[in-house]
């Protein structure tokens, strides 16, 4: 059996993954491979570096830190001034880079990790998905987390990359392709919510956004090969702010999400045969 952890994207909702990880490690489940996108690339990199229960405390500490609060926490006047200068993004990527370097080490490579990790990003020039699984770690995770309009694209070599959630928000298929036979999907809660036809103008963008995020996972979950077991872990339900499309501000407000996801995942794992 090869255990894969799949950590999807979802901004501040990604805090639920910390609770899921706590429940998994308490149940004795350890990954043999990790794949992640966006916020899942950040959490996944930490897990791949230290696939044990001790990583949970470090993630809680990291996301409650002033550095995390600064990732998307600029004031609107500063964001608007930056947008006027750059014409492409609201926030400075330096706080996110600092957070990643504090969590993972500035010079760490994929080869230094305890278990294999792959993270997705979207190439602008090739208009295609790109998986990073070797070489410098920080640029790849930063590329996977570069939310369009919020952070600038991350340049690696001659290409520019934006958030991996654009091309693969819950990369189940990638984990299967990389040999996982028992897969735990650490999703952020969106796929638990019903999507209905829009009834007013404000619904149109939200519904379109959800279809764009979910359609690939819907297809991949229907095509899981025989012999592969998939466990989609529960998020613990909605939290204030989930109705907004982005929810990228206040990354430090995470405790409620973590605790709810921990309790729901603990109960789910306890009920497994």
Foldseek 3Di string as FASTA:
>chain_A
DAEEEWQFDAALLSLLVLLLLLLCQVVVHFHQEYEYFAVGLLLRLLCQQPVHNVSSVVVLDLLQDPLVQQQQPDDPVQQVVVCVVPVKARHERVSVLVSSCVRRNNFDWLVNTNHWYWYWWAWPVVRDIDIDTTDGSSLRNSLQNAATRHHFFRDDDNITTHHRLQPARGPPVVRVVVPAQEYETNYSALVVDDADDDDDPVNPVVNVLSCSRCVVVVVVVVVPDPRHHYHYQHQLDDDPPVVDPHNNHSSSPRPVRSVSSNVRRNVVVVPDD
